[in-house]
Amino acid sequence: MNDLGSWQLPEELKLLQETTRRFMEREVQPAEADEPHDSWKLPEEKLKPLQAKARKAGLWCVQTPEEYGGAGLNLLGQCLVAEEAAKCKMGPYIAACGAFGFDPPNIIFSGTREQIEKYALPSIEKGEKSFVAITEASGGSDPARAIRARAEKKGDRYILNGTKIFISGASEASWGIVFARTEGPGREGISAFIVETKQPGLTISPIPVIRSYSPYELHFDNFEVPAENLLGKEGKGFSIAEKWLVHGRVPYAAATIGLGQASLALAVEWAKQRETFGARLADRQAIQWLLVDSEIELRAARMLVYDAAWKADRGEDIKVDAAIAKVYGTETAGRVVDRCIQVLGGMGVSCEMPLERWYRELRIKRIGEGPSEVMRMVIARNMVGGRNVRG
């Protein structure tokens, strides 16, 4: 893949891309068409049939290994699904879990067979939801140092105290993975625990934000975790999370590109039909350049994402590649949707179109999964050696 200009997707991934595109166009878009503008999930009577169809189409739990009932897609395959899913109105939320699949966090598969069977399999087989809780108010961008939630071992269990913020999906989850400090400062003092949300000692509260659904604050007050729910070894939780965090940025960026492409398609059609002062918008150079610049940037962003995923699938370290893809993908998509709103004028910010909703969502994407500034710091450290780079 040295010559990106001549590189093409393998045939099996082209088929996956087309399958996902057809599924979204024929099944998902009609189902969401009459839902309220700011809806982020479908009612159960619509969702359940779509889930069954997604299973048959091979679009269920796309990250989960095949041996556990998932699609077992590599990272490039996950990116293709995320990109196509994001072209739906509810795309950013659908793409987070493939196509109506409820992937358990990949880090659960580093656990014991008993942990996988008890927690991961119900998510795969029944659609039970889960979450990962790392971020805290003390500094979400630097979890290795900022984690203050503590877990103290007492007999055959750990006692967990502390607060996590901006945790997606927590209110509907039956279980989750929480990172807490079991030793001193630094990454070597962090452990990962599987928690069940129905146990006493956990309070879940919404945090209203600008997008269509709220993340949550999780407060643990003497919350008891059985010792067998320690994921991996004590003090090694951050090393479990690191690969998951890095790899997750790539499909995350892919979804924003799909959203940007859907916005651009909408703007192109509008420009071809809309007339002002006796001429189509599409015939005006000012509008053409907004559309052209968007197409150029989306193509470049897509190749950065595909390149990062391809390297990961070859077993390469993609910490820098993922950071580059995440920064450029999310920032490009934000610029594209902003231009598309400008092309549509007043309709661009109306609730009759999805653009204003996507605009709000994309503002969050520049923060989620690692803010652009932190990603640039990662890239800079690689370029100049790190010691003299300060955040």
Protein backbone atom coordinates (compact mmCIF):
# COMPACT_ATOMS: atom_id res chain seq x y z
CA MET A 1 0.00 0.00 0.00
CA ASN A 2 2.87 2.37 -0.71
CA ASP A 3 1.07 3.97 -3.63
CA LEU A 4 -2.18 5.23 -2.10
CA GLY A 5 -3.23 6.67 -5.43
CA SER A 6 -3.62 3.21 -6.98
CA TRP A 7 -4.69 1.37 -3.86
CA GLN A 8 -8.11 -0.27 -3.84
CA LEU A 9 -10.15 -2.14 -1.26
CA PRO A 10 -9.93 -5.94 -1.45
CA GLU A 11 -13.00 -7.50 -3.05
CA GLU A 12 -14.36 -8.90 0.23
CA LEU A 13 -14.26 -5.44 1.79
CA LYS A 14 -15.91 -3.88 -1.25
CA LEU A 15 -18.73 -6.39 -0.73
CA LEU A 16 -18.92 -5.48 2.97
CA GLN A 17 -19.07 -1.78 2.07
CA GLU A 18 -21.85 -2.32 -0.44
CA THR A 19 -23.78 -4.59 1.94
CA THR A 20 -23.65 -1.96 4.66
CA ARG A 21 -24.65 0.81 2.25
CA ARG A 22 -27.67 -1.15 1.00
CA PHE A 23 -28.71 -2.04 4.53
CA MET A 24 -28.59 1.59 5.63
CA GLU A 25 -30.42 2.88 2.55
CA ARG A 26 -33.10 0.19 2.38
CA GLU A 27 -33.70 -0.63 6.03
CA VAL A 28 -32.42 2.06 8.39
CA GLN A 29 -33.23 5.29 6.56
CA PRO A 30 -36.90 4.40 5.99
CA ALA A 31 -37.23 3.35 9.65
CA GLU A 32 -35.82 6.62 10.97
CA ALA A 33 -37.51 8.90 8.44
CA ASP A 34 -40.58 9.67 10.55
CA GLU A 35 -38.78 9.85 13.90
CA PRO A 36 -38.38 13.25 15.61
CA HIS A 37 -35.46 15.38 14.42
CA ASP A 38 -33.39 14.91 17.55
CA SER A 39 -34.15 11.24 18.15
CA TRP A 40 -31.01 9.19 18.67
CA LYS A 41 -32.51 5.73 18.94
CA LEU A 42 -35.38 3.87 17.38
CA PRO A 43 -38.33 2.51 19.37
CA GLU A 44 -38.13 -1.18 20.19
CA GLU A 45 -40.80 -2.14 17.67
CA LYS A 46 -38.56 -0.80 14.91
CA LEU A 47 -35.23 -1.68 16.42
CA LYS A 48 -35.77 -5.39 17.06
CA PRO A 49 -36.61 -6.31 13.45
CA LEU A 50 -33.63 -4.28 12.24
CA GLN A 51 -31.36 -6.10 14.67
CA ALA A 52 -32.52 -9.43 13.30
CA LYS A 53 -31.86 -8.28 9.74
CA ALA A 54 -28.44 -6.93 10.73
CA ARG A 55 -27.50 -10.35 12.11
CA LYS A 56 -28.46 -12.01 8.84
CA ALA A 57 -26.49 -9.42 6.87
CA GLY A 58 -23.32 -10.06 8.91
CA LEU A 59 -23.44 -6.59 10.46
CA TRP A 60 -23.90 -7.59 14.08
CA CYS A 61 -21.23 -6.92 16.70
CA VAL A 62 -18.70 -6.09 14.02
CA GLN A 63 -15.72 -5.85 16.39
CA THR A 64 -16.47 -9.04 18.30
CA PRO A 65 -14.45 -12.17 17.39
CA GLU A 66 -16.32 -14.74 15.33
CA GLU A 67 -15.77 -17.43 17.96
CA TYR A 68 -18.08 -15.48 20.27
CA GLY A 69 -20.77 -14.78 17.67
CA GLY A 70 -19.62 -11.48 16.20
CA ALA A 71 -18.63 -10.50 12.68
CA GLY A 72 -14.93 -10.43 13.65
CA LEU A 73 -14.10 -7.63 11.24
CA ASN A 74 -10.58 -6.26 11.07
CA LEU A 75 -10.09 -2.55 11.73
CA LEU A 76 -10.44 -1.57 8.08
CA GLY A 77 -13.71 -3.48 7.87
CA GLN A 78 -14.95 -1.72 11.00
CA CYS A 79 -14.12 1.62 9.39
CA LEU A 80 -16.14 0.78 6.28
CA VAL A 81 -19.18 -0.13 8.37
CA ALA A 82 -18.83 3.00 10.52
CA GLU A 83 -18.50 5.26 7.48
CA GLU A 84 -21.60 3.90 5.76
CA ALA A 85 -23.68 3.77 8.95
CA ALA A 86 -22.92 7.42 9.67
CA LYS A 87 -24.71 8.48 6.49
CA CYS A 88 -28.02 7.86 8.21
CA LYS A 89 -29.69 10.62 10.20
CA MET A 90 -28.92 8.72 13.38
CA GLY A 91 -25.57 7.69 11.98
CA PRO A 92 -23.21 8.88 14.71
CA TYR A 93 -25.09 6.76 17.25
CA ILE A 94 -25.56 3.75 15.00
CA ALA A 95 -21.92 3.73 13.97
CA ALA A 96 -20.77 3.54 17.55
CA CYS A 97 -21.94 -0.06 17.62
CA GLY A 98 -21.61 -1.07 14.01
CA ALA A 99 -25.04 -1.57 12.50
CA PHE A 100 -27.44 -2.09 15.38
CA GLY A 101 -25.05 -4.57 16.95
CA PHE A 102 -24.12 -4.12 20.59
CA ASP A 103 -20.43 -4.90 20.65
CA PRO A 104 -19.14 -5.38 24.15
CA PRO A 105 -15.92 -3.40 24.70
CA ASN A 106 -13.08 -5.35 23.10
CA ILE A 107 -11.10 -5.26 26.34
CA ILE A 108 -13.53 -7.77 27.87
CA PHE A 109 -11.93 -10.41 25.65
CA SER A 110 -8.69 -10.05 27.58
CA GLY A 111 -10.58 -11.43 30.58
CA THR A 112 -11.17 -14.98 31.75
CA ARG A 113 -13.45 -17.42 29.97
CA GLU A 114 -15.91 -17.08 32.85
CA GLN A 115 -15.96 -13.27 32.53
CA ILE A 116 -16.52 -13.45 28.78
CA GLU A 117 -19.37 -15.94 29.14
CA LYS A 118 -21.06 -14.03 31.97
CA TYR A 119 -20.84 -10.53 30.52
CA ALA A 120 -19.84 -10.44 26.85
CA LEU A 121 -22.05 -13.23 25.55
CA PRO A 122 -25.38 -11.73 26.76
CA SER A 123 -24.41 -8.49 25.01
CA ILE A 124 -23.73 -10.38 21.80
CA GLU A 125 -26.68 -12.75 21.96
CA LYS A 126 -29.37 -10.56 23.55
CA GLY A 127 -28.23 -7.02 22.78
CA GLU A 128 -27.54 -6.11 26.41
CA LYS A 129 -25.63 -2.84 26.61
CA SER A 130 -22.38 -2.03 28.36
CA PHE A 131 -20.02 0.91 28.88
CA VAL A 132 -16.42 1.81 29.61
CA ALA A 133 -15.68 4.36 32.34
CA ILE A 134 -12.27 6.02 32.29
CA THR A 135 -12.81 9.80 32.21
CA GLU A 136 -12.88 11.86 35.39
CA ALA A 137 -13.31 15.56 36.09
CA SER A 138 -9.65 15.77 37.14
CA GLY A 139 -8.53 15.36 33.52
CA GLY A 140 -10.02 13.08 30.91
CA SER A 141 -7.21 13.66 28.41
CA ASP A 142 -4.56 12.23 30.73
CA PRO A 143 -6.19 9.18 32.34
CA ALA A 144 -2.92 7.61 33.47
CA ARG A 145 -2.38 10.49 35.90
CA ALA A 146 -5.88 11.87 36.36
CA ILE A 147 -7.70 8.78 37.64
CA ARG A 148 -8.60 9.30 41.29
CA ALA A 149 -11.36 6.76 41.72
CA ARG A 150 -9.99 4.15 44.09
CA ALA A 151 -10.59 0.45 44.61
CA GLU A 152 -9.40 -1.03 47.90
CA LYS A 153 -9.28 -4.78 48.33
CA LYS A 154 -11.02 -6.14 51.41
CA GLY A 155 -11.17 -9.90 51.63
CA ASP A 156 -12.78 -11.40 48.55
CA ARG A 157 -13.88 -8.08 47.07
CA TYR A 158 -12.84 -4.56 46.16
CA ILE A 159 -14.53 -1.44 47.53
CA LEU A 160 -14.85 1.16 44.78
CA ASN A 161 -15.24 4.89 45.48
CA GLY A 162 -15.09 7.82 43.07
CA THR A 163 -16.80 9.54 40.15
CA LYS A 164 -16.62 9.10 36.38
CA ILE A 165 -18.01 11.62 33.89
CA PHE A 166 -19.09 11.73 30.23
CA ILE A 167 -19.81 7.99 30.12
CA SER A 168 -21.94 7.10 27.09
CA GLY A 169 -24.76 4.58 27.36
CA ALA A 170 -24.46 4.03 31.10
CA SER A 171 -28.16 4.47 31.92
CA GLU A 172 -29.21 1.54 29.73
CA ALA A 173 -26.25 -0.72 30.44
CA SER A 174 -26.41 -3.85 32.56
CA TRP A 175 -22.65 -3.89 33.09
CA GLY A 176 -19.53 -1.92 32.38
CA ILE A 177 -15.78 -1.74 32.81
CA VAL A 178 -14.47 0.83 35.28
CA PHE A 179 -10.86 1.92 35.69
CA ALA A 180 -9.76 2.80 39.21
CA ARG A 181 -6.55 3.27 41.15
CA THR A 182 -5.43 0.37 43.31
CA GLU A 183 -1.88 1.58 43.89
CA GLY A 184 0.14 4.81 43.70
CA PRO A 185 0.26 7.45 40.93
CA GLY A 186 0.94 6.65 37.29
CA ARG A 187 -0.32 4.05 34.86
CA GLU A 188 1.04 1.11 36.85
CA GLY A 189 -1.41 1.86 39.66
CA ILE A 190 -4.58 1.49 37.59
CA SER A 191 -6.78 -1.61 37.53
CA ALA A 192 -9.87 -2.51 35.50
CA PHE A 193 -13.06 -3.91 37.03
CA ILE A 194 -16.27 -5.34 35.63
CA VAL A 195 -19.23 -3.80 37.46
CA GLU A 196 -22.94 -4.58 37.41
CA THR A 197 -25.12 -1.49 37.34
CA LYS A 198 -27.99 -2.86 39.44
CA GLN A 199 -25.85 -3.25 42.54
CA PRO A 200 -26.24 -0.73 45.38
CA GLY A 201 -23.71 2.06 45.69
CA LEU A 202 -23.91 3.38 42.12
CA THR A 203 -25.70 6.60 41.12
CA ILE A 204 -26.08 7.40 37.40
CA SER A 205 -26.98 10.98 36.42
CA PRO A 206 -27.29 12.55 32.93
CA ILE A 207 -24.96 15.37 31.83
CA PRO A 208 -26.85 17.48 29.24
CA VAL A 209 -24.67 18.42 26.26
CA ILE A 210 -25.25 19.98 22.83
CA ARG A 211 -25.87 16.74 20.97
CA SER A 212 -29.03 14.63 20.82
CA TYR A 213 -28.35 12.44 23.85
CA SER A 214 -26.64 12.84 27.18
CA PRO A 215 -23.59 11.07 28.55
CA TYR A 216 -23.65 10.28 32.24
CA GLU A 217 -21.92 10.81 35.54
CA LEU A 218 -21.28 7.65 37.55
CA HIS A 219 -20.76 8.03 41.29
CA PHE A 220 -19.51 5.00 43.23
CA ASP A 221 -20.07 5.04 46.99
CA ASN A 222 -18.56 1.99 48.71
CA PHE A 223 -19.54 -0.03 45.68
CA GLU A 224 -18.58 -3.69 46.11
CA VAL A 225 -16.86 -5.53 43.27
CA PRO A 226 -16.17 -9.27 43.63
CA ALA A 227 -12.46 -10.08 43.31
CA GLU A 228 -13.22 -12.34 40.35
CA ASN A 229 -14.42 -9.24 38.46
CA LEU A 230 -10.90 -7.83 38.30
CA LEU A 231 -10.13 -7.70 34.56
CA GLY A 232 -6.58 -8.84 33.91
CA LYS A 233 -3.98 -8.29 36.62
CA GLU A 234 -4.12 -5.72 39.39
CA GLY A 235 -2.23 -2.57 38.40
CA LYS A 236 -2.24 -3.50 34.70
CA GLY A 237 -5.56 -1.96 33.71
CA PHE A 238 -4.15 0.90 31.69
CA SER A 239 -2.09 -1.41 29.49
CA ILE A 240 -5.30 -3.31 28.72
CA ALA A 241 -7.06 -0.09 27.74
CA GLU A 242 -4.31 1.51 25.67
CA LYS A 243 -4.67 -0.54 22.48
CA TRP A 244 -8.45 -0.31 22.68
CA LEU A 245 -8.25 3.48 23.00
CA VAL A 246 -5.83 3.88 20.07
CA HIS A 247 -7.64 1.54 17.70
CA GLY A 248 -11.03 3.02 18.60
CA ARG A 249 -10.02 6.40 17.21
CA VAL A 250 -9.87 5.06 13.65
CA PRO A 251 -13.51 3.90 13.15
CA TYR A 252 -14.49 6.99 15.15
CA ALA A 253 -12.83 9.15 12.49
CA ALA A 254 -14.32 7.02 9.72
CA ALA A 255 -17.84 7.72 11.00
CA THR A 256 -17.26 11.47 10.83
CA ILE A 257 -16.12 11.14 7.22
CA GLY A 258 -19.30 9.26 6.32
CA LEU A 259 -21.34 11.97 7.98
CA GLY A 260 -19.41 14.63 6.06
CA GLN A 261 -19.96 12.79 2.78
CA ALA A 262 -23.71 12.54 3.40
CA SER A 263 -23.80 16.27 4.15
CA LEU A 264 -21.91 17.06 0.96
CA ALA A 265 -24.25 14.94 -1.16
CA LEU A 266 -27.19 16.83 0.31
CA ALA A 267 -25.54 20.20 -0.42
CA VAL A 268 -24.68 19.22 -4.01
CA GLU A 269 -28.28 18.27 -4.76
CA TRP A 270 -29.52 21.48 -3.16
CA ALA A 271 -27.10 23.58 -5.21
CA LYS A 272 -28.21 21.90 -8.43
CA GLN A 273 -31.87 22.67 -7.76
CA ARG A 274 -31.79 26.03 -5.98
CA GLU A 275 -31.91 29.20 -8.11
CA THR A 276 -31.07 32.75 -7.03
CA PHE A 277 -31.00 35.86 -9.23
CA GLY A 278 -31.68 33.78 -12.32
CA ALA A 279 -28.97 31.14 -11.93
CA ARG A 280 -28.47 27.86 -10.10
CA LEU A 281 -26.27 27.91 -7.00
CA ALA A 282 -24.30 25.10 -8.64
CA ASP A 283 -23.27 27.48 -11.44
CA ARG A 284 -21.76 30.02 -9.08
CA GLN A 285 -18.03 29.73 -8.49
CA ALA A 286 -18.28 30.66 -4.82
CA ILE A 287 -20.57 27.69 -4.21
CA GLN A 288 -18.57 25.36 -6.47
CA TRP A 289 -15.42 25.98 -4.47
CA LEU A 290 -17.17 25.23 -1.17
CA LEU A 291 -18.25 21.89 -2.61
CA VAL A 292 -14.92 21.12 -4.29
CA ASP A 293 -12.82 21.90 -1.23
CA SER A 294 -15.07 19.62 0.79
CA GLU A 295 -14.68 16.74 -1.66
CA ILE A 296 -10.89 17.12 -1.73
CA GLU A 297 -10.57 17.16 2.05
CA LEU A 298 -12.90 14.21 2.56
CA ARG A 299 -10.90 12.10 0.11
CA ALA A 300 -7.66 12.95 1.91
CA ALA A 301 -9.20 12.20 5.31
CA ARG A 302 -10.56 8.87 4.10
CA MET A 303 -7.15 7.73 2.91
CA LEU A 304 -5.55 8.67 6.23
CA VAL A 305 -8.17 6.60 8.03
CA TYR A 306 -7.82 3.63 5.68
CA ASP A 307 -4.03 3.78 5.93
CA ALA A 308 -4.12 3.72 9.75
CA ALA A 309 -6.55 0.80 9.75
CA TRP A 310 -4.51 -1.12 7.16
CA LYS A 311 -1.36 -0.73 9.25
CA ALA A 312 -3.18 -1.91 12.38
CA ASP A 313 -4.40 -5.00 10.53
CA ARG A 314 -0.78 -5.74 9.63
CA GLY A 315 0.14 -5.66 13.31
CA GLU A 316 1.89 -2.29 13.25
CA ASP A 317 1.87 0.30 16.04
CA ILE A 318 -0.61 2.98 14.92
CA LYS A 319 -0.56 5.38 17.86
CA VAL A 320 0.59 8.26 15.64
CA ASP A 321 -1.38 7.17 12.56
CA ALA A 322 -4.58 6.95 14.61
CA ALA A 323 -3.95 10.41 16.07
CA ILE A 324 -3.44 11.87 12.59
CA ALA A 325 -6.59 10.20 11.25
CA LYS A 326 -8.62 11.31 14.24
CA VAL A 327 -7.52 14.95 14.05
CA TYR A 328 -7.87 15.34 10.30
CA GLY A 329 -11.05 13.26 10.00
CA THR A 330 -13.03 15.03 12.71
CA GLU A 331 -11.82 18.52 11.80
CA THR A 332 -12.45 17.95 8.10
CA ALA A 333 -15.98 16.72 8.71
CA GLY A 334 -16.67 19.76 10.86
CA ARG A 335 -15.52 22.11 8.10
CA VAL A 336 -17.54 20.22 5.48
CA VAL A 337 -20.81 20.37 7.40
CA ASP A 338 -20.21 24.05 8.14
CA ARG A 339 -19.80 24.73 4.39
CA CYS A 340 -22.88 22.68 3.56
CA ILE A 341 -24.95 24.70 6.01
CA GLN A 342 -23.71 27.83 4.25
CA VAL A 343 -24.81 26.44 0.88
CA LEU A 344 -28.32 25.72 2.19
CA GLY A 345 -28.57 29.04 4.01
CA GLY A 346 -31.51 29.23 6.40
CA MET A 347 -32.57 25.66 5.60
CA GLY A 348 -29.14 24.50 6.73
CA VAL A 349 -29.86 25.45 10.33
CA SER A 350 -33.50 24.35 10.31
CA CYS A 351 -34.75 21.16 11.89
CA GLU A 352 -36.09 20.06 8.50
CA MET A 353 -32.54 19.06 7.59
CA PRO A 354 -30.07 16.92 9.57
CA LEU A 355 -27.19 19.37 9.08
CA GLU A 356 -27.61 21.42 12.24
CA ARG A 357 -27.84 18.23 14.26
CA TRP A 358 -24.70 16.83 12.63
CA TYR A 359 -22.96 20.17 13.18
CA ARG A 360 -23.56 19.84 16.92
CA GLU A 361 -22.45 16.23 16.93
CA LEU A 362 -19.23 16.99 15.08
CA ARG A 363 -18.31 19.67 17.58
CA ILE A 364 -18.19 16.93 20.19
CA LYS A 365 -16.20 14.62 17.93
CA ARG A 366 -13.21 16.97 18.15
CA ILE A 367 -13.15 16.27 21.89
CA GLY A 368 -14.28 12.65 22.24
CA GLU A 369 -11.73 9.82 21.97
CA GLY A 370 -8.94 12.33 22.58
CA PRO A 371 -9.12 16.09 21.89
CA SER A 372 -7.40 17.44 18.79
CA GLU A 373 -4.81 19.20 20.95
CA VAL A 374 -3.82 15.98 22.71
CA MET A 375 -3.64 14.14 19.39
CA ARG A 376 -1.35 16.86 18.04
CA MET A 377 0.81 16.45 21.13
CA VAL A 378 1.11 12.71 20.43
CA ILE A 379 2.15 13.44 16.83
CA ALA A 380 4.62 16.14 17.93
CA ARG A 381 6.30 13.83 20.43
CA ASN A 382 6.90 11.34 17.66
CA MET A 383 8.33 14.05 15.41
CA VAL A 384 10.71 15.78 17.82
CA GLY A 385 11.48 13.10 20.37
CA GLY A 386 9.08 14.10 23.09
CA ARG A 387 11.25 15.43 25.86
CA ASN A 388 10.88 19.09 24.95
CA VAL A 389 7.18 18.92 24.03
CA ARG A 390 4.78 20.16 26.69
CA GLY A 391 1.00 20.05 26.65
